[in-house]
C-alpha atoms as a PDB file:
ATOM      1  CA  MET A   1       6.980 -18.773 -19.621  1.00  0.00           C
ATOM      2  CA  THR A   2       9.712 -16.241 -20.271  1.00  0.00           C
ATOM      3  CA  ASN A   3       9.271 -12.506 -20.149  1.00  0.00           C
ATOM      4  CA  ALA A   4      11.344  -9.564 -21.211  1.00  0.00           C
ATOM      5  CA  ALA A   5      14.087  -8.704 -18.740  1.00  0.00           C
ATOM      6  CA  GLY A   6      12.743  -6.798 -15.756  1.00  0.00           C
ATOM      7  CA  LEU A   7       9.042  -7.506 -16.465  1.00  0.00           C
ATOM      8  CA  ASN A   8       7.137  -8.591 -13.364  1.00  0.00           C
ATOM      9  CA  ASP A   9       4.638 -11.416 -14.034  1.00  0.00           C
ATOM     10  CA  LYS A  10       2.378 -10.062 -11.312  1.00  0.00           C
ATOM     11  CA  SER A  11       2.103  -6.685 -13.013  1.00  0.00           C
ATOM     12  CA  VAL A  12       0.872  -8.139 -16.320  1.00  0.00           C
ATOM     13  CA  VAL A  13      -2.893  -7.928 -16.803  1.00  0.00           C
ATOM     14  CA  ARG A  14      -4.460 -11.349 -17.431  1.00  0.00           C
ATOM     15  CA  GLY A  15      -7.783 -13.180 -17.337  1.00  0.00           C
ATOM     16  CA  MET A  16     -10.950 -11.298 -16.447  1.00  0.00           C
ATOM     17  CA  GLU A  17      -9.095  -8.052 -15.846  1.00  0.00           C
ATOM     18  CA  LEU A  18      -7.634  -8.214 -19.360  1.00  0.00           C
ATOM     19  CA  ARG A  19     -11.067  -8.907 -20.828  1.00  0.00           C
ATOM     20  CA  LEU A  20     -12.588  -5.967 -18.958  1.00  0.00           C
ATOM     21  CA  ASP A  21      -9.706  -3.681 -20.031  1.00  0.00           C
ATOM     22  CA  THR A  22     -10.222  -4.724 -23.642  1.00  0.00           C
ATOM     23  CA  ALA A  23     -13.986  -4.077 -23.385  1.00  0.00           C
ATOM     24  CA  PHE A  24     -13.268  -0.644 -21.885  1.00  0.00           C
ATOM     25  CA  GLY A  25     -10.869   0.132 -24.718  1.00  0.00           C
ATOM     26  CA  GLY A  26     -13.466  -1.013 -27.258  1.00  0.00           C
ATOM     27  CA  ALA A  27     -16.147   1.187 -25.685  1.00  0.00           C
ATOM     28  CA  ASN A  28     -13.706   4.067 -25.794  1.00  0.00           C
ATOM     29  CA  THR A  29     -12.400   3.700 -29.363  1.00  0.00           C
ATOM     30  CA  SER A  30     -14.832   1.523 -31.308  1.00  0.00           C
ATOM     31  CA  PHE A  31     -18.256   2.724 -30.244  1.00  0.00           C
ATOM     32  CA  PRO A  32     -20.248   3.061 -33.469  1.00  0.00           C
ATOM     33  CA  PRO A  33     -20.726   6.773 -34.257  1.00  0.00           C
ATOM     34  CA  SER A  34     -24.184   6.208 -35.694  1.00  0.00           C
ATOM     35  CA  VAL A  35     -25.450   4.416 -32.580  1.00  0.00           C
ATOM     36  CA  GLN A  36     -26.618   6.519 -29.650  1.00  0.00           C
ATOM     37  CA  GLN A  37     -27.184   3.681 -27.176  1.00  0.00           C
ATOM     38  CA  ILE A  38     -26.393  -0.013 -26.722  1.00  0.00           C
ATOM     39  CA  VAL A  39     -28.757  -2.219 -24.708  1.00  0.00           C
ATOM     40  CA  VAL A  40     -26.940  -4.600 -22.340  1.00  0.00           C
ATOM     41  CA  GLY A  41     -28.982  -6.835 -20.047  1.00  0.00           C
ATOM     42  CA  GLY A  42     -32.118  -4.772 -20.628  1.00  0.00           C
ATOM     43  CA  VAL A  43     -30.381  -1.477 -19.777  1.00  0.00           C
ATOM     44  CA  ALA A  44     -29.629   1.116 -22.460  1.00  0.00           C
ATOM     45  CA  TYR A  45     -26.145   2.680 -22.217  1.00  0.00           C
ATOM     46  CA  SER A  46     -24.734   5.650 -24.047  1.00  0.00           C
ATOM     47  CA  GLN A  47     -20.973   5.608 -24.728  1.00  0.00           C
ATOM     48  CA  PRO A  48     -20.017   7.529 -21.528  1.00  0.00           C
ATOM     49  CA  ASP A  49     -22.464   5.479 -19.441  1.00  0.00           C
ATOM     50  CA  LEU A  50     -21.113   2.213 -20.880  1.00  0.00           C
ATOM     51  CA  GLN A  51     -17.557   3.286 -20.100  1.00  0.00           C
ATOM     52  CA  LYS A  52     -18.567   4.125 -16.508  1.00  0.00           C
ATOM     53  CA  LYS A  53     -20.308   0.746 -16.124  1.00  0.00           C
ATOM     54  CA  ILE A  54     -17.312  -1.213 -17.447  1.00  0.00           C
ATOM     55  CA  ASP A  55     -14.981   0.850 -15.270  1.00  0.00           C
ATOM     56  CA  SER A  56     -17.112   0.126 -12.174  1.00  0.00           C
ATOM     57  CA  VAL A  57     -17.115  -3.615 -12.982  1.00  0.00           C
ATOM     58  CA  ARG A  58     -13.319  -3.756 -13.463  1.00  0.00           C
ATOM     59  CA  ALA A  59     -12.557  -1.540 -10.434  1.00  0.00           C
ATOM     60  CA  PRO A  60     -12.262  -4.471  -7.958  1.00  0.00           C
ATOM     61  CA  TRP A  61      -9.571  -6.080 -10.136  1.00  0.00           C
ATOM     62  CA  LYS A  62      -7.665  -2.803 -10.339  1.00  0.00           C
ATOM     63  CA  ASP A  63      -8.031  -2.289  -6.580  1.00  0.00           C
ATOM     64  CA  ALA A  64      -6.770  -5.817  -5.913  1.00  0.00           C
ATOM     65  CA  ARG A  65      -3.721  -5.223  -8.139  1.00  0.00           C
ATOM     66  CA  THR A  66      -2.980  -2.001  -6.271  1.00  0.00           C
ATOM     67  CA  ALA A  67      -3.411  -3.753  -2.918  1.00  0.00           C
ATOM     68  CA  HIS A  68      -1.047  -6.554  -3.972  1.00  0.00           C
ATOM     69  CA  ALA A  69       1.553  -4.003  -5.065  1.00  0.00           C
ATOM     70  CA  THR A  70       1.206  -2.216  -1.725  1.00  0.00           C
ATOM     71  CA  LEU A  71       1.617  -5.488   0.178  1.00  0.00           C
ATOM     72  CA  ARG A  72       4.685  -6.458  -1.868  1.00  0.00           C
ATOM     73  CA  GLN A  73       6.227  -3.056  -1.166  1.00  0.00           C
ATOM     74  CA  PHE A  74       5.440  -3.361   2.554  1.00  0.00           C
ATOM     75  CA  THR A  75       6.910  -6.874   2.682  1.00  0.00           C
ATOM     76  CA  GLN A  76      10.152  -5.611   1.189  1.00  0.00           C
ATOM     77  CA  GLN A  77      10.340  -2.679   3.599  1.00  0.00           C
ATOM     78  CA  LYS A  78       9.138  -4.569   6.699  1.00  0.00           C
ATOM     79  CA  PRO A  79      12.557  -5.359   8.268  1.00  0.00           C
ATOM     80  CA  ALA A  80      13.638  -1.717   8.095  1.00  0.00           C
ATOM     81  CA  LEU A  81      10.227  -0.533   9.320  1.00  0.00           C
ATOM     82  CA  GLU A  82      10.304  -2.971  12.261  1.00  0.00           C
ATOM     83  CA  GLN A  83      13.778  -1.814  13.244  1.00  0.00           C
ATOM     84  CA  GLU A  84      12.677   1.827  13.113  1.00  0.00           C
ATOM     85  CA  ALA A  85       9.540   1.069  15.126  1.00  0.00           C
ATOM     86  CA  THR A  86      11.492  -0.908  17.741  1.00  0.00           C
ATOM     87  CA  GLU A  87      14.036   1.863  18.163  1.00  0.00           C
ATOM     88  CA  PHE A  88      11.276   4.453  18.489  1.00  0.00           C
ATOM     89  CA  LEU A  89       9.366   2.403  21.077  1.00  0.00           C
ATOM     90  CA  THR A  90      12.555   1.853  23.066  1.00  0.00           C
ATOM     91  CA  MET A  91      13.251   5.581  23.142  1.00  0.00           C
ATOM     92  CA  LEU A  92       9.587   6.293  23.973  1.00  0.00           C
ATOM     93  CA  LYS A  93       9.689   3.888  26.919  1.00  0.00           C
ATOM     94  CA  GLY A  94      12.882   5.523  28.151  1.00  0.00           C
ATOM     95  CA  ALA A  95      11.278   8.953  27.977  1.00  0.00           C
ATOM     96  CA  LEU A  96       8.133   7.718  29.751  1.00  0.00           C
ATOM     97  CA  VAL A  97      10.171   6.015  32.481  1.00  0.00           C
ATOM     98  CA  ALA A  98      12.059   9.258  33.001  1.00  0.00           C
ATOM     99  CA  GLN A  99       8.756  11.143  33.137  1.00  0.00           C
ATOM    100  CA  PHE A 100       6.645   8.799  35.281  1.00  0.00           C
ATOM    101  CA  GLY A 101       9.111   6.374  36.887  1.00  0.00           C
ATOM    102  CA  ALA A 102       9.933   2.742  36.152  1.00  0.00           C
ATOM    103  CA  GLU A 103       7.270   1.382  38.518  1.00  0.00           C
ATOM    104  CA  SER A 104       4.404   3.679  37.456  1.00  0.00           C
ATOM    105  CA  GLU A 105       1.187   2.031  36.304  1.00  0.00           C
ATOM    106  CA  THR A 106       0.823   4.865  33.777  1.00  0.00           C
ATOM    107  CA  LEU A 107       3.306   2.927  31.594  1.00  0.00           C
ATOM    108  CA  SER A 108       0.657   0.229  31.056  1.00  0.00           C
ATOM    109  CA  HIS A 109      -1.621   2.828  29.423  1.00  0.00           C
ATOM    110  CA  TRP A 110       1.127   3.317  26.826  1.00  0.00           C
ATOM    111  CA  GLY A 111       1.547  -0.426  26.278  1.00  0.00           C
ATOM    112  CA  PHE A 112       4.666  -0.916  28.410  1.00  0.00           C
ATOM    113  CA  LYS A 113       5.102  -3.140  31.435  1.00  0.00           C
ATOM    114  CA  PRO A 114       5.948  -1.296  34.643  1.00  0.00           C
ATOM    115  CA  GLN A 115       8.913  -2.664  36.564  1.00  0.00           C
ATOM    116  CA  LYS A 116       7.995  -4.684  39.642  1.00  0.00           C
ATOM    117  CA  ARG A 117       9.909  -4.719  42.882  1.00  0.00           C
ATOM    118  CA  ARG A 118      11.410  -8.057  43.846  1.00  0.00           C
ATOM    119  CA  ARG A 119       9.722  -9.915  46.657  1.00  0.00           C
ATOM    120  CA  GLN A 120      11.751 -10.048  49.867  1.00  0.00           C
ATOM    121  CA  LEU A 121      13.034 -13.562  50.585  1.00  0.00           C
ATOM    122  CA  THR A 122      12.188 -15.194  53.867  1.00  0.00           C
ATOM    123  CA  SER A 123      15.003 -16.240  56.200  1.00  0.00           C
ATOM    124  CA  ASP A 124      14.480 -19.896  55.198  1.00  0.00           C
ATOM    125  CA  GLU A 125      14.777 -18.988  51.503  1.00  0.00           C
ATOM    126  CA  LYS A 126      17.938 -16.988  52.153  1.00  0.00           C
ATOM    127  CA  ALA A 127      19.505 -19.904  54.054  1.00  0.00           C
ATOM    128  CA  LEU A 128      18.559 -22.299  51.251  1.00  0.00           C
ATOM    129  CA  ARG A 129      20.080 -19.950  48.669  1.00  0.00           C
ATOM    130  CA  ALA A 130      23.362 -19.729  50.621  1.00  0.00           C
ATOM    131  CA  ALA A 131      23.528 -23.526  51.047  1.00  0.00           C
ATOM    132  CA  LYS A 132      22.957 -24.087  47.316  1.00  0.00           C
ATOM    133  CA  ALA A 133      25.656 -21.553  46.443  1.00  0.00           C
ATOM    134  CA  ALA A 134      28.145 -23.226  48.773  1.00  0.00           C
ATOM    135  CA  MET A 135      27.372 -26.664  47.323  1.00  0.00           C
ATOM    136  CA  THR A 136      27.790 -25.361  43.778  1.00  0.00           C
ATOM    137  CA  ARG A 137      31.169 -23.759  44.556  1.00  0.00           C
ATOM    138  CA  LYS A 138      32.366 -26.990  46.160  1.00  0.00           C
ATOM    139  CA  ALA A 139      31.127 -29.150  43.258  1.00  0.00           C
ATOM    140  CA  ARG A 140      32.731 -26.922  40.626  1.00  0.00           C
ATOM    141  CA  GLY A 141      35.870 -26.214  42.613  1.00  0.00           C
ATOM    142  CA  THR A 142      35.521 -22.467  42.246  1.00  0.00           C
ATOM    143  CA  LYS A 143      37.545 -20.255  44.517  1.00  0.00           C
ATOM    144  CA  GLY A 144      37.280 -16.648  45.532  1.00  0.00           C
ATOM    145  CA  LYS A 145      39.906 -13.905  45.171  1.00  0.00           C
ATOM    146  CA  ARG A 146      41.476 -14.498  48.546  1.00  0.00           C
ATOM    147  CA  GLN A 147      41.583 -18.277  48.123  1.00  0.00           C
ATOM    148  CA  LYS A 148      43.287 -17.882  44.745  1.00  0.00           C
ATOM    149  CA  ALA A 149      45.809 -15.442  46.248  1.00  0.00           C
ATOM    150  CA  GLU A 150      46.815 -18.031  48.867  1.00  0.00           C
ATOM    151  CA  ILE A 151      47.837 -20.453  46.129  1.00  0.00           C
ATOM    152  CA  THR A 152      51.374 -19.386  45.307  1.00  0.00           C
ATOM    153  CA  GLY A 153      54.489 -21.014  44.014  1.00  0.00           C
ATOM    154  CA  PRO A 154      57.598 -20.247  42.055  1.00  0.00           C
ATOM    155  CA  ALA A 155      56.974 -19.092  38.491  1.00  0.00           C
ATOM    156  CA  PRO A 156      58.090 -21.269  35.566  1.00  0.00           C
ATOM    157  CA  THR A 157      61.215 -20.249  33.652  1.00  0.00           C
ATOM    158  CA  VAL A 158      60.967 -19.578  29.907  1.00  0.00           C
ATOM    159  CA  ASN A 159      64.160 -19.571  27.824  1.00  0.00           C
ATOM    160  CA  ILE A 160      64.309 -18.521  24.175  1.00  0.00           C
ATOM    161  CA  GLY A 161      67.394 -19.712  22.325  1.00  0.00           C
ATOM    162  CA  ALA A 162      69.299 -17.845  19.601  1.00  0.00           C
ATOM    163  CA  ASP A 163      67.815 -20.178  16.991  1.00  0.00           C
ATOM    164  CA  GLY A 164      64.254 -19.320  18.174  1.00  0.00           C
ATOM    165  CA  SER A 165      63.664 -22.497  20.202  1.00  0.00           C
ATOM    166  CA  VAL A 166      61.579 -22.115  23.357  1.00  0.00           C
ATOM    167  CA  THR A 167      62.057 -24.139  26.545  1.00  0.00           C
ATOM    168  CA  ILE A 168      59.763 -23.978  29.567  1.00  0.00           C
ATOM    169  CA  GLN A 169      61.045 -25.184  32.924  1.00  0.00           C
ATOM    170  CA  SER A 170      58.813 -25.444  35.976  1.00  0.00           C
ATOM    171  CA  PRO A 171      60.535 -25.393  39.375  1.00  0.00           C
ATOM    172  CA  GLY A 172      61.661 -28.913  40.259  1.00  0.00           C
ATOM    173  CA  GLN A 173      61.321 -30.232  36.688  1.00  0.00           C
ATOM    174  CA  SER A 174      63.685 -30.804  33.819  1.00  0.00           C
ATOM    175  CA  PRO A 175      63.431 -28.431  30.808  1.00  0.00           C
ATOM    176  CA  LYS A 176      60.659 -29.112  28.236  1.00  0.00           C
ATOM    177  CA  PRO A 177      61.310 -28.096  24.648  1.00  0.00           C
END
């Protein structure tokens, strides 16, 4: 089904809502002038009363349409709203930490987790940690600053010719173009 450019299918009244809107319009414009009341379901309605009754019956459809429009608008704005909310909560936590301290239980009343102090390692755990670190450095061949400084040697020679050619010569090797 094609619509005019820019017309939203979800904003077009259809089905029961359309029927109720049409009945409301009929009660508004086509109520017979000579008739004082119309009996519907055993209840007599004057023109204003009939309009109120139809309006009360169609109100849930109108409310649902409004709610859908609100949800669509919220869905479109949600990323920007979440970013704004996250930034605000981050700044709020910073202000509360400055006010109460990072480890204060008062932060939990505001919905933030207080920072916990790390548990002190036992001497066995510290020894195990050092042994694992040493094994990892050996396995990966990593060296510290001082160990790297001990590794020295003559620097390679780089020659750039007049024609733009580059040759690299390591000490004890023939030139490589």
